[in-house]
Amino acid sequence: MHYIVKIKGKVNIPDYVQLRDENFTLLAYFRVDRPEKALLKAGFAEQTSLIKKILNEIPFGKLHPLELK
């Protein structure tokens, strides 16, 4: 089980995403508009399209469970 949270940025700080594992260890931290490189580095390249879809649906500041293979 993994978790994803979308964080709203402030004036000069963009929106970010945290991808965490079942122990809430940070696996990836990336901008909402540029997830590809960080997901590739974290080993989630195959799930990039799924994660992008979920990011468009979830609200800011809510922890969302994410079932990744």
N, C-alpha and C. Protein backbone atom coordinates (compact mmCIF):
# COMPACT_ATOMS: atom_id res chain seq x y z
N MET A 1 0.86 -1.19 0.00
CA MET A 1 0.00 0.00 0.00
C MET A 1 0.90 1.23 0.00
N HIS A 2 0.52 2.19 -0.81
CA HIS A 2 1.22 3.46 -0.88
C HIS A 2 0.20 4.57 -0.63
N TYR A 3 0.73 5.75 -0.36
CA TYR A 3 -0.12 6.91 -0.12
C TYR A 3 0.40 8.07 -0.93
N ILE A 4 -0.53 8.93 -1.34
CA ILE A 4 -0.16 10.10 -2.12
C ILE A 4 -0.90 11.30 -1.52
N VAL A 5 -0.19 12.42 -1.45
CA VAL A 5 -0.80 13.66 -0.95
C VAL A 5 -0.35 14.79 -1.86
N LYS A 6 -1.31 15.62 -2.24
CA LYS A 6 -1.05 16.77 -3.10
C LYS A 6 -1.02 18.01 -2.21
N ILE A 7 0.05 18.80 -2.32
CA ILE A 7 0.27 19.95 -1.44
C ILE A 7 0.18 21.23 -2.26
N LYS A 8 -0.69 22.13 -1.82
CA LYS A 8 -0.89 23.41 -2.51
C LYS A 8 0.27 24.34 -2.20
N GLY A 9 0.87 24.91 -3.23
CA GLY A 9 1.96 25.85 -3.07
C GLY A 9 1.46 27.25 -2.76
N LYS A 10 2.40 28.09 -2.38
CA LYS A 10 2.08 29.50 -2.12
C LYS A 10 2.46 30.34 -3.33
N VAL A 11 2.64 31.62 -3.14
CA VAL A 11 2.87 32.57 -4.23
C VAL A 11 3.98 32.12 -5.20
N ASN A 12 5.20 31.96 -4.73
CA ASN A 12 6.31 31.58 -5.61
C ASN A 12 6.66 30.10 -5.51
N ILE A 13 5.94 29.35 -4.72
CA ILE A 13 6.21 27.93 -4.52
C ILE A 13 5.13 27.14 -5.26
N PRO A 14 5.53 26.25 -6.18
CA PRO A 14 4.53 25.49 -6.94
C PRO A 14 3.87 24.38 -6.11
N ASP A 15 2.81 23.80 -6.67
CA ASP A 15 2.15 22.66 -6.04
C ASP A 15 3.06 21.44 -6.12
N TYR A 16 3.08 20.66 -5.04
CA TYR A 16 3.93 19.47 -4.98
C TYR A 16 3.13 18.24 -4.60
N VAL A 17 3.75 17.08 -4.80
CA VAL A 17 3.15 15.79 -4.46
C VAL A 17 4.15 15.00 -3.64
N GLN A 18 3.64 14.32 -2.62
CA GLN A 18 4.45 13.38 -1.85
C GLN A 18 3.90 11.98 -2.09
N LEU A 19 4.79 11.07 -2.42
CA LEU A 19 4.44 9.66 -2.57
C LEU A 19 5.13 8.92 -1.44
N ARG A 20 4.33 8.22 -0.61
CA ARG A 20 4.86 7.55 0.57
C ARG A 20 4.47 6.09 0.59
N ASP A 21 5.27 5.26 1.29
CA ASP A 21 4.96 3.84 1.40
C ASP A 21 4.10 3.58 2.64
N GLU A 22 3.87 2.30 2.95
CA GLU A 22 2.99 1.93 4.07
C GLU A 22 3.52 2.38 5.42
N ASN A 23 4.83 2.64 5.52
CA ASN A 23 5.42 3.15 6.77
C ASN A 23 5.54 4.67 6.74
N PHE A 24 4.94 5.30 5.75
CA PHE A 24 4.97 6.74 5.52
C PHE A 24 6.37 7.27 5.25
N THR A 25 7.24 6.41 4.74
CA THR A 25 8.56 6.84 4.30
C THR A 25 8.39 7.55 2.96
N LEU A 26 9.02 8.69 2.81
CA LEU A 26 8.93 9.46 1.58
C LEU A 26 9.66 8.74 0.46
N LEU A 27 8.94 8.40 -0.61
CA LEU A 27 9.52 7.72 -1.75
C LEU A 27 9.82 8.68 -2.89
N ALA A 28 8.96 9.67 -3.07
CA ALA A 28 9.13 10.65 -4.14
C ALA A 28 8.46 11.96 -3.73
N TYR A 29 9.08 13.05 -4.15
CA TYR A 29 8.58 14.39 -3.88
C TYR A 29 8.78 15.16 -5.18
N PHE A 30 7.68 15.60 -5.80
CA PHE A 30 7.80 16.21 -7.13
C PHE A 30 6.70 17.22 -7.36
N ARG A 31 6.95 18.07 -8.36
CA ARG A 31 5.94 19.06 -8.75
C ARG A 31 4.78 18.36 -9.43
N VAL A 32 3.60 18.88 -9.24
CA VAL A 32 2.39 18.29 -9.84
C VAL A 32 2.50 18.29 -11.37
N ASP A 33 3.07 19.33 -11.94
CA ASP A 33 3.13 19.44 -13.39
C ASP A 33 4.33 18.72 -14.01
N ARG A 34 5.24 18.13 -13.19
CA ARG A 34 6.42 17.44 -13.72
C ARG A 34 6.71 16.14 -12.95
N PRO A 35 5.84 15.16 -13.04
CA PRO A 35 6.04 13.94 -12.24
C PRO A 35 6.96 12.89 -12.88
N GLU A 36 7.18 12.96 -14.18
CA GLU A 36 7.84 11.87 -14.90
C GLU A 36 9.23 11.51 -14.36
N LYS A 37 10.10 12.51 -14.24
CA LYS A 37 11.48 12.24 -13.83
C LYS A 37 11.55 11.66 -12.42
N ALA A 38 10.79 12.21 -11.50
CA ALA A 38 10.81 11.74 -10.11
C ALA A 38 10.23 10.33 -10.00
N LEU A 39 9.17 10.05 -10.75
CA LEU A 39 8.58 8.71 -10.71
C LEU A 39 9.50 7.67 -11.35
N LEU A 40 10.20 8.05 -12.38
CA LEU A 40 11.18 7.16 -12.99
C LEU A 40 12.29 6.84 -12.00
N LYS A 41 12.80 7.85 -11.33
CA LYS A 41 13.87 7.68 -10.35
C LYS A 41 13.42 6.81 -9.17
N ALA A 42 12.16 6.94 -8.77
CA ALA A 42 11.64 6.18 -7.63
C ALA A 42 11.18 4.77 -8.03
N GLY A 43 11.21 4.46 -9.33
CA GLY A 43 10.82 3.13 -9.78
C GLY A 43 9.35 2.97 -10.12
N PHE A 44 8.66 4.05 -10.38
CA PHE A 44 7.23 4.00 -10.68
C PHE A 44 6.93 4.48 -12.09
N ALA A 45 7.85 4.27 -13.02
CA ALA A 45 7.67 4.76 -14.39
C ALA A 45 6.44 4.15 -15.06
N GLU A 46 6.16 2.88 -14.78
CA GLU A 46 5.02 2.21 -15.41
C GLU A 46 3.68 2.76 -14.92
N GLN A 47 3.65 3.33 -13.73
CA GLN A 47 2.41 3.84 -13.15
C GLN A 47 2.23 5.34 -13.33
N THR A 48 3.06 5.98 -14.14
CA THR A 48 3.01 7.43 -14.31
C THR A 48 1.63 7.90 -14.76
N SER A 49 1.05 7.26 -15.75
CA SER A 49 -0.26 7.70 -16.25
C SER A 49 -1.35 7.53 -15.18
N LEU A 50 -1.30 6.45 -14.42
CA LEU A 50 -2.26 6.23 -13.34
C LEU A 50 -2.11 7.30 -12.26
N ILE A 51 -0.90 7.59 -11.88
CA ILE A 51 -0.65 8.60 -10.84
C ILE A 51 -1.09 9.98 -11.31
N LYS A 52 -0.82 10.32 -12.57
CA LYS A 52 -1.25 11.61 -13.11
C LYS A 52 -2.78 11.73 -13.08
N LYS A 53 -3.47 10.64 -13.43
CA LYS A 53 -4.93 10.63 -13.42
C LYS A 53 -5.46 10.86 -12.00
N ILE A 54 -4.86 10.17 -11.03
CA ILE A 54 -5.28 10.31 -9.64
C ILE A 54 -5.02 11.73 -9.14
N LEU A 55 -3.89 12.31 -9.53
CA LEU A 55 -3.57 13.68 -9.10
C LEU A 55 -4.61 14.69 -9.57
N ASN A 56 -5.19 14.46 -10.74
CA ASN A 56 -6.23 15.35 -11.25
C ASN A 56 -7.53 15.21 -10.48
N GLU A 57 -7.72 14.08 -9.80
CA GLU A 57 -8.99 13.82 -9.11
C GLU A 57 -8.98 14.14 -7.62
N ILE A 58 -7.82 14.02 -6.97
CA ILE A 58 -7.79 14.19 -5.51
C ILE A 58 -7.64 15.66 -5.12
N PRO A 59 -8.19 16.03 -3.97
CA PRO A 59 -8.06 17.42 -3.49
C PRO A 59 -6.69 17.65 -2.83
N PHE A 60 -6.36 18.90 -2.65
CA PHE A 60 -5.12 19.26 -1.96
C PHE A 60 -5.24 18.95 -0.47
N GLY A 61 -4.15 18.48 0.11
CA GLY A 61 -4.06 18.30 1.55
C GLY A 61 -4.70 17.04 2.11
N LYS A 62 -5.23 16.18 1.28
CA LYS A 62 -5.86 14.94 1.75
C LYS A 62 -4.97 13.76 1.42
N LEU A 63 -4.73 12.91 2.41
CA LEU A 63 -3.96 11.69 2.21
C LEU A 63 -4.84 10.69 1.47
N HIS A 64 -4.33 10.19 0.34
CA HIS A 64 -5.10 9.29 -0.50
C HIS A 64 -4.38 7.96 -0.62
N PRO A 65 -5.03 6.83 -0.29
CA PRO A 65 -4.38 5.52 -0.46
C PRO A 65 -4.21 5.23 -1.96
N LEU A 66 -3.10 4.60 -2.27
CA LEU A 66 -2.76 4.34 -3.66
C LEU A 66 -2.28 2.90 -3.79
N GLU A 67 -2.98 2.12 -4.57
CA GLU A 67 -2.62 0.71 -4.75
C GLU A 67 -1.77 0.59 -6.01
N LEU A 68 -0.46 0.41 -5.80
CA LEU A 68 0.48 0.26 -6.91
C LEU A 68 1.05 -1.15 -6.90
N LYS A 69 1.36 -1.65 -8.06
CA LYS A 69 1.92 -3.00 -8.19
C LYS A 69 3.42 -2.95 -8.19
